[in-house]
Amino acid sequence: MGKNFIIGTLLVALVALGFWRAGEMAPLPAGKAEPSLAMESGGKIDVALPALDAVFQEIEEDPALANAAFGFCLLDSKGGMLAGRNEKTPMIPASTLKTLTVAGALETLGEDFRFETVVEAEGDPGQAHLETVVIRGGGDPTLAMETLEKWAGEMQARGVKSMGQVLADASIFPTPTVGDFWGWGDVGNAYGSPVAGLNLNHNRFRAAFAPGKVGDAARFIGAVPEVPGVTWENGIKTGPAGSGDGVMIYGGPDAGMIRLTGTVPAGVERFEVGGAVPDPARFTAFHFDRLLRERGITISRPPMAGSATGLRRWMSHRSASLLEISRHLQATSDNHEAECFFRMMGVKGGGDAAVVLRQHWEARGLNLGSCRIVDGSGLSRANYLPAETLATLQFLATTGPVGGGYRSGLNPAHGGRVKWKGGAMSAVRCYTGLVTMAGGREGYFAMMFNHYPDGAAVEKHVAALVRAMTGDQ
């Protein structure tokens, strides 16, 4: 194709070297970053971003990020490369991995998909005695205590006087209920709550403490809601006033003991922290049993996890739509909700959730060859993927069959010029999403920082990268 223009001696040199062809940049030698310049197919300059190169250099020369890893990719409105730095190097994505899960679930399960939880009983409506009652979970990440309260009231209103036993069936999702590569320091705390077929109150509790004087033990008041079947080992001390939440909770799947370590601040009468329920099915059965008893229904045997066949459907609860839940998930970066999306993709796809997710995106044209995906939330440090993959995902998701819904869940920032999802864990900070560049064109980006010693320096460079992309200098 003939050239439509020549820009100075630089482009003359590029033509001579054969780097300019068909209106796009030819591949650079291995290890070289793409220049911050892109062309439309007609040869017209779409956008020039020399400011990005300056920010890249600042990042690479910043002693506060010495030996840290940095990856960046910016694509144009058609998915073509505008700028990159180490864009093919796999890095830990933290919660930006949720965008892969959310977009994948919206495309495969559908925006209108709803999780359903069903109450079944051995007996017909109108009977005063029901021998077995089962809550059969459908993987709903939003099932709340209010729903159990409503069900208990309905059973009372239908004339039920007695029961044999309450069972809770959480088997729709496989075990274990936490990721294989989640840390021990994660699985006892609220943000690492287990993922089961039944998920009452996100499988979380609030542990309450009464602080004393600085250095003294803090008294453990109890857990709300009550967690059945566990003993508590309280090692919490009282820290300085204003020191905040210094608590670590060690539990995990089916744990019989929950250990509480760390500090709570002095100067308050009561201080609460979030923890993870060890056995979601038992937790759900226990609280439904409790609510039924509070309404005067007698129950012969204690509640437990389990199931039964030949039962009759009595009541059910359907969640909000997947699209509605996804907006909350993205806004709050909720690991539990993301993992329920992830596991339900596996259920509906008839296989391992990670395999189903990969197969979907590879069929959509996303190159996952250098990626490792072990969960749906990004909580594991064993996940890794390149900035180019994250940026390409944003392009595919936004321009795909549920693009409007996916876009609506990203978080606005920088005066609305950016819509993104962030992710952070120890020495990891990443962002990915959409950006309105100078001239009003939309781009798709990912920026990833790993293994850095100085978080303040990272945030400074993130702001500089955004200014460079938007042209707000």
Protein backbone atom coordinates (compact mmCIF):
# COMPACT_ATOMS: atom_id res chain seq x y z
CA MET A 1 0.00 0.00 0.00
CA GLY A 2 1.38 3.45 -0.86
CA LYS A 3 2.30 5.81 1.94
CA ASN A 4 -0.04 8.73 2.54
CA PHE A 5 2.39 10.99 4.27
CA ILE A 6 5.91 11.35 5.65
CA ILE A 7 6.53 12.80 9.07
CA GLY A 8 10.02 14.23 9.29
CA THR A 9 13.23 12.37 9.04
CA LEU A 10 12.22 9.80 11.64
CA LEU A 11 9.54 8.31 9.44
CA VAL A 12 11.85 8.48 6.45
CA ALA A 13 14.29 6.35 8.42
CA LEU A 14 11.56 3.95 9.42
CA VAL A 15 10.46 3.56 5.80
CA ALA A 16 14.03 2.88 4.78
CA LEU A 17 14.37 0.22 7.44
CA GLY A 18 11.09 -1.40 6.45
CA PHE A 19 9.43 -0.84 9.83
CA TRP A 20 6.43 0.95 8.31
CA ARG A 21 4.08 -1.28 6.42
CA ALA A 22 0.39 -1.37 5.65
CA GLY A 23 -0.20 1.57 7.99
CA GLU A 24 1.07 -0.21 11.18
CA MET A 25 4.27 -0.85 13.08
CA ALA A 26 6.20 -4.00 12.22
CA PRO A 27 7.27 -6.15 15.19
CA LEU A 28 10.26 -4.85 17.10
CA PRO A 29 13.15 -7.05 18.18
CA ALA A 30 12.59 -9.16 21.28
CA GLY A 31 12.81 -7.19 24.51
CA LYS A 32 11.91 -3.86 22.91
CA ALA A 33 8.76 -1.97 23.87
CA GLU A 34 6.28 -0.79 21.29
CA PRO A 35 6.62 2.95 20.63
CA SER A 36 3.83 5.21 21.92
CA LEU A 37 2.51 5.86 18.42
CA ALA A 38 -0.29 4.15 16.53
CA MET A 39 -1.68 4.38 13.01
CA GLU A 40 -5.12 3.74 11.60
CA SER A 41 -5.37 1.36 8.65
CA GLY A 42 -5.51 4.32 6.28
CA GLY A 43 -2.16 5.59 7.45
CA LYS A 44 -3.53 8.57 9.37
CA ILE A 45 -2.10 9.21 12.84
CA ASP A 46 -4.75 8.21 15.37
CA VAL A 47 -3.04 9.26 18.57
CA ALA A 48 0.49 10.06 19.71
CA LEU A 49 1.36 9.38 23.32
CA PRO A 50 4.98 10.42 23.84
CA ALA A 51 4.18 11.24 27.47
CA LEU A 52 3.86 7.52 28.19
CA ASP A 53 7.46 6.89 27.21
CA ALA A 54 8.55 9.52 29.71
CA VAL A 55 6.51 7.85 32.47
CA PHE A 56 7.94 4.44 31.56
CA GLN A 57 11.43 5.86 31.95
CA GLU A 58 10.55 7.45 35.29
CA ILE A 59 9.23 4.12 36.57
CA GLU A 60 12.30 2.22 35.43
CA GLU A 61 14.65 4.79 36.97
CA ASP A 62 12.77 5.25 40.26
CA PRO A 63 14.94 3.89 43.10
CA ALA A 64 11.76 3.32 45.14
CA LEU A 65 10.85 0.61 42.61
CA ALA A 66 14.29 -0.91 42.22
CA ASN A 67 13.97 -4.55 41.12
CA ALA A 68 10.16 -4.30 40.98
CA ALA A 69 8.29 -5.72 38.00
CA PHE A 70 6.16 -3.44 35.80
CA GLY A 71 3.93 -4.24 32.85
CA PHE A 72 1.74 -1.95 30.76
CA CYS A 73 -0.42 -2.23 27.67
CA LEU A 74 -2.69 0.27 25.91
CA LEU A 75 -4.86 -0.74 22.96
CA ASP A 76 -6.81 1.48 20.59
CA SER A 77 -10.55 1.35 19.91
CA LYS A 78 -10.04 -1.54 17.47
CA GLY A 79 -7.86 -3.58 19.79
CA GLY A 80 -4.56 -2.61 18.14
CA MET A 81 -1.44 -1.89 20.14
CA LEU A 82 -0.81 1.75 21.02
CA ALA A 83 1.82 1.42 23.69
CA GLY A 84 3.40 -1.26 25.80
CA ARG A 85 6.14 -1.99 28.29
CA ASN A 86 6.86 -5.59 29.31
CA GLU A 87 3.32 -6.21 28.10
CA LYS A 88 3.92 -9.91 27.43
CA THR A 89 5.50 -10.67 30.81
CA PRO A 90 3.14 -12.66 33.09
CA MET A 91 2.50 -11.01 36.46
CA ILE A 92 0.28 -11.50 39.50
CA PRO A 93 -3.03 -9.75 38.68
CA ALA A 94 -4.68 -9.72 42.14
CA SER A 95 -8.33 -8.66 41.83
CA THR A 96 -8.05 -7.47 38.23
CA LEU A 97 -8.50 -11.18 37.46
CA LYS A 98 -12.13 -10.67 38.48
CA THR A 99 -12.74 -8.92 35.15
CA LEU A 100 -11.96 -12.20 33.37
CA THR A 101 -14.44 -14.04 35.61
CA VAL A 102 -17.20 -11.43 35.52
CA ALA A 103 -17.12 -10.96 31.76
CA GLY A 104 -16.90 -14.72 31.23
CA ALA A 105 -19.88 -15.39 33.51
CA LEU A 106 -21.98 -12.67 31.88
CA GLU A 107 -21.27 -14.14 28.45
CA THR A 108 -21.74 -17.83 29.32
CA LEU A 109 -24.40 -17.79 32.05
CA GLY A 110 -26.19 -14.69 30.77
CA GLU A 111 -26.94 -11.31 32.29
CA ASP A 112 -30.36 -12.52 33.47
CA PHE A 113 -29.11 -15.70 35.15
CA ARG A 114 -30.30 -16.08 38.74
CA PHE A 115 -29.09 -18.44 41.47
CA GLU A 116 -31.90 -20.41 43.12
CA THR A 117 -32.10 -21.90 46.61
CA VAL A 118 -34.93 -24.38 47.29
CA VAL A 119 -36.56 -25.68 50.47
CA GLU A 120 -37.83 -29.26 50.14
CA ALA A 121 -39.69 -31.35 52.69
CA GLU A 122 -40.81 -34.89 53.32
CA GLY A 123 -44.48 -34.08 53.62
CA ASP A 124 -47.22 -32.09 51.95
CA PRO A 125 -48.40 -28.55 52.64
CA GLY A 126 -51.03 -28.64 55.37
CA GLN A 127 -49.32 -31.38 57.39
CA ALA A 128 -48.47 -30.49 60.96
CA HIS A 129 -45.35 -32.70 61.00
CA LEU A 130 -42.55 -32.78 58.43
CA GLU A 131 -40.00 -35.51 58.98
CA THR A 132 -37.12 -34.09 56.90
CA VAL A 133 -36.59 -30.55 55.60
CA VAL A 134 -33.72 -29.80 53.23
CA ILE A 135 -32.36 -26.44 52.11
CA ARG A 136 -30.89 -27.27 48.71
CA GLY A 137 -28.30 -24.70 47.67
CA GLY A 138 -27.86 -23.33 44.19
CA GLY A 139 -24.60 -21.48 44.77
CA ASP A 140 -26.21 -18.11 45.53
CA PRO A 141 -23.56 -15.74 46.92
CA THR A 142 -26.24 -13.38 48.23
CA LEU A 143 -28.48 -15.66 50.34
CA ALA A 144 -29.23 -13.70 53.51
CA MET A 145 -30.58 -14.41 56.99
CA GLU A 146 -33.71 -12.45 56.06
CA THR A 147 -34.64 -15.16 53.56
CA LEU A 148 -34.37 -17.89 56.20
CA GLU A 149 -36.50 -15.75 58.52
CA LYS A 150 -39.14 -15.45 55.80
CA TRP A 151 -39.14 -19.21 55.20
CA ALA A 152 -39.48 -19.97 58.88
CA GLY A 153 -42.43 -17.62 59.10
CA GLU A 154 -44.07 -19.23 56.07
CA MET A 155 -43.73 -22.71 57.59
CA GLN A 156 -45.32 -21.49 60.78
CA ALA A 157 -48.13 -19.86 58.79
CA ARG A 158 -48.77 -23.13 56.92
CA GLY A 159 -49.46 -24.92 60.19
CA VAL A 160 -46.20 -26.84 60.65
CA LYS A 161 -45.85 -27.80 64.33
CA SER A 162 -42.97 -30.27 64.35
CA MET A 163 -40.09 -31.64 62.30
CA GLY A 164 -37.68 -34.51 62.41
CA GLN A 165 -34.55 -32.71 61.20
CA VAL A 166 -33.23 -29.81 59.12
CA LEU A 167 -30.55 -30.66 56.55
CA ALA A 168 -28.49 -28.36 54.35
CA ASP A 169 -27.30 -29.56 50.94
CA ALA A 170 -24.39 -27.51 49.58
CA SER A 171 -23.18 -30.13 47.11
CA ILE A 172 -23.77 -28.24 43.85
CA PHE A 173 -20.23 -26.83 44.17
CA PRO A 174 -17.24 -29.14 44.61
CA THR A 175 -15.02 -29.24 47.66
CA PRO A 176 -12.75 -27.93 49.04
CA THR A 177 -14.66 -24.72 49.67
CA VAL A 178 -11.55 -22.54 49.35
CA GLY A 179 -8.98 -22.19 46.60
CA ASP A 180 -6.14 -24.69 46.55
CA PHE A 181 -3.58 -21.87 46.59
CA TRP A 182 -5.21 -19.49 49.09
CA GLY A 183 -3.03 -18.61 52.06
CA TRP A 184 -3.64 -19.79 55.61
CA GLY A 185 -3.83 -16.14 56.63
CA ASP A 186 -6.65 -15.62 54.10
CA VAL A 187 -9.09 -18.48 54.68
CA GLY A 188 -10.06 -17.56 58.25
CA ASN A 189 -10.78 -13.92 57.47
CA ALA A 190 -13.93 -12.46 55.94
CA TYR A 191 -12.36 -11.64 52.57
CA GLY A 192 -11.35 -15.32 52.20
CA SER A 193 -14.72 -16.82 53.14
CA PRO A 194 -15.49 -20.30 51.74
CA VAL A 195 -17.53 -20.92 48.60
CA ALA A 196 -20.20 -23.59 48.81
CA GLY A 197 -23.56 -24.47 47.35
CA LEU A 198 -25.07 -22.69 50.37
CA ASN A 199 -23.63 -19.32 51.32
CA LEU A 200 -25.52 -17.69 54.16
CA ASN A 201 -24.47 -14.07 54.73
CA HIS A 202 -21.48 -14.64 52.45
CA ASN A 203 -20.37 -17.31 54.99
CA ARG A 204 -19.09 -14.55 57.24
CA PHE A 205 -19.43 -13.58 60.89
CA ARG A 206 -18.44 -10.60 63.01
CA ALA A 207 -16.15 -11.36 65.96
CA ALA A 208 -16.66 -8.85 68.77
CA PHE A 209 -14.08 -7.81 71.40
CA ALA A 210 -14.00 -5.61 74.47
CA PRO A 211 -10.57 -3.90 74.53
CA GLY A 212 -8.83 -3.16 77.84
CA LYS A 213 -5.78 -1.08 78.63
CA VAL A 214 -2.94 -1.00 76.12
CA GLY A 215 -1.06 -4.27 76.37
CA ASP A 216 -3.83 -6.10 78.21
CA ALA A 217 -5.87 -8.96 76.76
CA ALA A 218 -9.03 -7.99 74.89
CA ARG A 219 -12.07 -10.00 75.95
CA PHE A 220 -13.78 -12.04 73.23
CA ILE A 221 -17.51 -11.26 73.43
CA GLY A 222 -18.64 -13.70 70.75
CA ALA A 223 -19.50 -14.11 67.08
CA VAL A 224 -22.52 -12.68 65.27
CA PRO A 225 -24.21 -14.67 63.82
CA GLU A 226 -23.31 -17.60 66.05
CA VAL A 227 -20.92 -20.11 64.46
CA PRO A 228 -21.87 -23.67 65.48
CA GLY A 229 -19.44 -26.47 66.19
CA VAL A 230 -16.31 -24.46 66.95
CA THR A 231 -14.25 -23.49 69.97
CA TRP A 232 -12.39 -20.20 70.16
CA GLU A 233 -8.77 -19.59 71.10
CA ASN A 234 -8.47 -15.89 71.91
CA GLY A 235 -5.02 -14.36 71.78
CA ILE A 236 -6.13 -10.79 71.05
CA LYS A 237 -4.33 -7.97 72.88
CA THR A 238 -5.25 -4.32 73.23
CA GLY A 239 -3.23 -2.00 71.02
CA PRO A 240 -2.87 1.79 71.07
CA ALA A 241 -5.97 3.92 70.56
CA GLY A 242 -6.65 4.47 66.88
CA SER A 243 -4.51 1.51 65.80
CA GLY A 244 -7.44 -0.11 64.02
CA ASP A 245 -7.96 -3.73 63.02
CA GLY A 246 -4.82 -5.73 63.72
CA VAL A 247 -6.62 -9.07 63.99
CA MET A 248 -5.81 -12.26 62.11
CA ILE A 249 -8.29 -15.13 62.23
CA TYR A 250 -7.06 -18.66 61.57
CA GLY A 251 -9.71 -21.20 60.69
CA GLY A 252 -10.34 -22.80 57.31
CA PRO A 253 -12.64 -25.47 55.89
CA ASP A 254 -14.29 -27.65 58.56
CA ALA A 255 -12.08 -26.22 61.31
CA GLY A 256 -13.19 -27.16 64.82
CA MET A 257 -11.12 -24.40 66.42
CA ILE A 258 -10.79 -20.78 65.35
CA ARG A 259 -7.70 -18.92 66.56
CA LEU A 260 -7.80 -15.16 67.06
CA THR A 261 -4.50 -13.31 67.13
CA GLY A 262 -3.30 -9.70 66.89
CA THR A 263 -4.64 -6.47 68.37
CA VAL A 264 -7.73 -4.28 68.64
CA PRO A 265 -7.52 -0.60 69.56
CA ALA A 266 -7.94 0.81 73.04
CA GLY A 267 -10.46 3.53 73.75
CA VAL A 268 -13.60 1.85 72.38
CA GLU A 269 -16.20 -0.22 74.23
CA ARG A 270 -16.63 -2.79 71.46
CA PHE A 271 -14.60 -3.58 68.35
CA GLU A 272 -15.66 -6.00 65.60
CA VAL A 273 -13.77 -7.76 62.80
CA GLY A 274 -14.94 -10.06 60.02
CA GLY A 275 -14.26 -13.78 59.93
CA ALA A 276 -15.03 -16.77 57.70
CA VAL A 277 -17.42 -19.58 58.63
CA PRO A 278 -15.65 -22.99 58.48
CA ASP A 279 -18.67 -25.10 57.44
CA PRO A 280 -21.25 -23.17 55.34
CA ALA A 281 -23.79 -26.01 55.14
CA ARG A 282 -23.80 -26.64 58.89
CA PHE A 283 -23.99 -22.88 59.48
CA THR A 284 -27.09 -22.58 57.27
CA ALA A 285 -28.83 -25.62 58.76
CA PHE A 286 -28.11 -24.40 62.30
CA HIS A 287 -29.66 -20.99 61.74
CA PHE A 288 -32.74 -22.28 59.90
CA ASP A 289 -33.28 -24.75 62.73
CA ARG A 290 -32.89 -21.92 65.27
CA LEU A 291 -35.39 -19.68 63.48
CA LEU A 292 -37.95 -22.49 63.25
CA ARG A 293 -37.61 -23.26 66.97
CA GLU A 294 -38.03 -19.58 67.81
CA ARG A 295 -41.44 -19.79 66.10
CA GLY A 296 -42.54 -22.66 68.31
CA ILE A 297 -41.83 -25.53 65.90
CA THR A 298 -40.35 -28.53 67.72
CA ILE A 299 -37.53 -30.44 66.02
CA SER A 300 -36.42 -33.91 67.12
CA ARG A 301 -32.84 -34.12 65.88
CA PRO A 302 -30.03 -31.57 65.57
CA PRO A 303 -29.43 -29.80 62.24
CA MET A 304 -26.59 -30.91 60.01
CA ALA A 305 -25.17 -30.86 56.50
CA GLY A 306 -26.75 -33.52 54.33
CA SER A 307 -29.44 -34.33 51.82
CA ALA A 308 -32.38 -36.64 51.14
CA THR A 309 -34.36 -37.85 48.14
CA GLY A 310 -38.04 -38.10 47.37
CA LEU A 311 -38.86 -34.71 48.87
CA ARG A 312 -41.44 -32.17 47.77
CA ARG A 313 -40.59 -28.61 46.79
CA TRP A 314 -42.05 -26.16 49.29
CA MET A 315 -40.38 -22.78 48.82
CA SER A 316 -37.58 -21.17 46.86
CA HIS A 317 -35.59 -17.97 46.61
CA ARG A 318 -34.05 -16.55 43.44
CA SER A 319 -31.20 -14.10 43.60
CA ALA A 320 -30.90 -10.78 41.83
CA SER A 321 -29.72 -11.09 38.24
CA LEU A 322 -26.12 -11.95 37.49
CA LEU A 323 -25.69 -8.47 36.01
CA GLU A 324 -26.89 -6.79 39.21
CA ILE A 325 -24.64 -8.95 41.37
CA SER A 326 -21.69 -8.31 39.02
CA ARG A 327 -21.99 -4.56 39.58
CA HIS A 328 -21.76 -5.03 43.33
CA LEU A 329 -18.92 -7.52 42.86
CA GLN A 330 -16.86 -5.07 40.79
CA ALA A 331 -17.59 -2.11 43.06
CA THR A 332 -16.61 -3.95 46.25
CA SER A 333 -14.11 -6.44 44.77
CA ASP A 334 -15.95 -9.23 46.58
CA ASN A 335 -13.92 -12.44 46.41
CA HIS A 336 -16.82 -14.63 47.51
CA GLU A 337 -19.15 -13.43 44.77
CA ALA A 338 -16.44 -13.83 42.13
CA GLU A 339 -15.77 -17.40 43.24
CA CYS A 340 -19.49 -18.25 43.05
CA PHE A 341 -19.54 -16.93 39.46
CA PHE A 342 -16.43 -18.97 38.72
CA ARG A 343 -17.74 -22.21 40.17
CA MET A 344 -21.14 -21.85 38.55
CA MET A 345 -19.40 -21.54 35.18
CA GLY A 346 -17.81 -24.90 35.95
CA VAL A 347 -21.17 -26.43 36.91
CA LYS A 348 -22.94 -25.20 33.78
CA GLY A 349 -19.94 -25.98 31.58
CA GLY A 350 -19.65 -29.51 32.91
CA GLY A 351 -16.02 -29.34 33.98
CA ASP A 352 -13.34 -27.73 36.07
CA ALA A 353 -14.14 -24.03 36.40
CA ALA A 354 -10.67 -22.85 35.38
CA VAL A 355 -10.75 -25.03 32.27
CA VAL A 356 -14.23 -23.85 31.32
CA LEU A 357 -13.19 -20.21 31.76
CA ARG A 358 -10.05 -20.68 29.66
CA GLN A 359 -11.92 -22.48 26.90
CA HIS A 360 -14.49 -19.72 26.67
CA TRP A 361 -11.97 -16.92 26.32
CA GLU A 362 -9.67 -18.79 23.98
CA ALA A 363 -12.67 -19.41 21.72
CA ARG A 364 -13.28 -15.66 21.83
CA GLY A 365 -9.74 -14.99 20.62
CA LEU A 366 -7.96 -14.23 23.90
CA ASN A 367 -4.45 -15.64 24.06
CA LEU A 368 -4.05 -17.36 27.43
CA GLY A 369 -0.97 -19.37 26.51
CA SER A 370 1.26 -17.63 29.04
CA CYS A 371 -1.41 -17.42 31.76
CA ARG A 372 -2.13 -19.44 34.86
CA ILE A 373 -5.64 -19.28 36.33
CA VAL A 374 -6.30 -21.11 39.61
CA ASP A 375 -9.29 -19.22 40.98
CA GLY A 376 -11.91 -16.69 39.90
CA SER A 377 -11.19 -13.88 42.34
CA GLY A 378 -7.44 -13.32 42.07
CA LEU A 379 -6.95 -14.04 45.78
CA SER A 380 -4.21 -16.56 44.99
CA ARG A 381 -0.70 -15.40 44.20
CA ALA A 382 -0.41 -18.46 41.94
CA ASN A 383 -2.42 -16.67 39.24
CA TYR A 384 -0.43 -14.87 36.57
CA LEU A 385 -1.07 -13.25 33.22
CA PRO A 386 0.43 -10.44 31.10
CA ALA A 387 -0.79 -6.85 30.83
CA GLU A 388 -1.49 -7.45 27.13
CA THR A 389 -3.95 -10.23 28.03
CA LEU A 390 -5.78 -8.02 30.54
CA ALA A 391 -6.01 -5.12 28.09
CA THR A 392 -7.23 -7.41 25.30
CA LEU A 393 -9.84 -8.83 27.64
CA GLN A 394 -11.23 -5.33 28.20
CA PHE A 395 -11.51 -4.85 24.43
CA LEU A 396 -13.22 -8.22 23.88
CA ALA A 397 -15.57 -7.87 26.85
CA THR A 398 -16.60 -4.30 26.04
CA THR A 399 -17.19 -4.95 22.35
CA GLY A 400 -18.71 -8.41 22.94
CA PRO A 401 -22.30 -9.63 23.35
CA VAL A 402 -22.72 -8.20 26.87
CA GLY A 403 -20.44 -5.19 26.44
CA GLY A 404 -22.87 -2.63 27.82
CA GLY A 405 -23.57 -4.66 30.94
CA TYR A 406 -19.90 -5.39 31.55
CA ARG A 407 -18.95 -1.74 31.07
CA SER A 408 -21.63 -0.65 33.56
CA GLY A 409 -19.89 -2.60 36.33
CA LEU A 410 -16.48 -0.97 36.00
CA ASN A 411 -15.67 1.76 38.49
CA PRO A 412 -15.45 5.38 37.23
CA ALA A 413 -12.37 7.38 38.14
CA HIS A 414 -10.40 10.46 37.15
CA GLY A 415 -13.43 12.56 36.34
CA GLY A 416 -15.06 9.79 34.35
CA ARG A 417 -12.19 9.59 31.86
CA VAL A 418 -11.35 6.14 33.20
CA LYS A 419 -13.52 3.11 34.06
CA TRP A 420 -11.49 0.42 35.71
CA LYS A 421 -11.07 -2.42 38.17
CA GLY A 422 -8.21 -2.36 40.62
CA GLY A 423 -6.48 -5.15 42.45
CA ALA A 424 -4.08 -5.14 45.38
CA MET A 425 -2.36 -7.52 47.75
CA SER A 426 1.01 -7.47 49.46
CA ALA A 427 3.49 -5.89 46.97
CA VAL A 428 0.99 -6.17 44.10
CA ARG A 429 -1.00 -3.28 42.58
CA CYS A 430 -2.80 -3.55 39.25
CA TYR A 431 -5.49 -1.68 37.26
CA THR A 432 -7.31 -2.51 34.06
CA GLY A 433 -10.23 -1.03 32.12
CA LEU A 434 -11.21 1.63 29.62
CA VAL A 435 -9.83 5.13 29.09
CA THR A 436 -11.03 8.12 27.08
CA MET A 437 -7.90 9.48 25.45
CA ALA A 438 -7.16 12.89 24.00
CA GLY A 439 -9.50 13.56 21.11
CA GLY A 440 -12.26 11.44 22.66
CA ARG A 441 -11.06 8.06 21.39
CA GLU A 442 -11.52 5.07 23.70
CA GLY A 443 -8.65 2.80 24.64
CA TYR A 444 -8.23 -0.39 26.68
CA PHE A 445 -5.40 -0.67 29.16
CA ALA A 446 -3.74 -2.66 31.91
CA MET A 447 -0.99 -1.58 34.27
CA MET A 448 0.65 -4.04 36.64
CA PHE A 449 3.17 -3.51 39.45
CA ASN A 450 4.60 -6.53 41.28
CA HIS A 451 7.21 -7.05 44.01
CA TYR A 452 7.68 -3.38 44.91
CA PRO A 453 8.85 -2.07 48.30
CA ASP A 454 7.07 1.31 48.18
CA GLY A 455 3.33 1.54 47.60
CA ALA A 456 3.30 5.34 47.60
CA ALA A 457 5.66 5.36 44.63
CA VAL A 458 3.35 3.00 42.75
CA GLU A 459 0.34 5.26 43.25
CA LYS A 460 2.34 8.26 42.04
CA HIS A 461 3.23 6.45 38.81
CA VAL A 462 -0.31 5.13 38.35
CA ALA A 463 -1.56 8.73 38.40
CA ALA A 464 1.13 9.73 35.90
CA LEU A 465 0.20 6.88 33.56
CA VAL A 466 -3.46 7.93 33.64
CA ARG A 467 -2.53 11.56 32.87
CA ALA A 468 -0.40 10.40 29.97
CA MET A 469 -3.21 8.28 28.52
CA THR A 470 -5.87 10.97 28.88
CA GLY A 471 -3.63 13.87 27.88
CA ASP A 472 -4.33 15.66 31.18
CA GLN A 473 -0.88 17.01 31.91
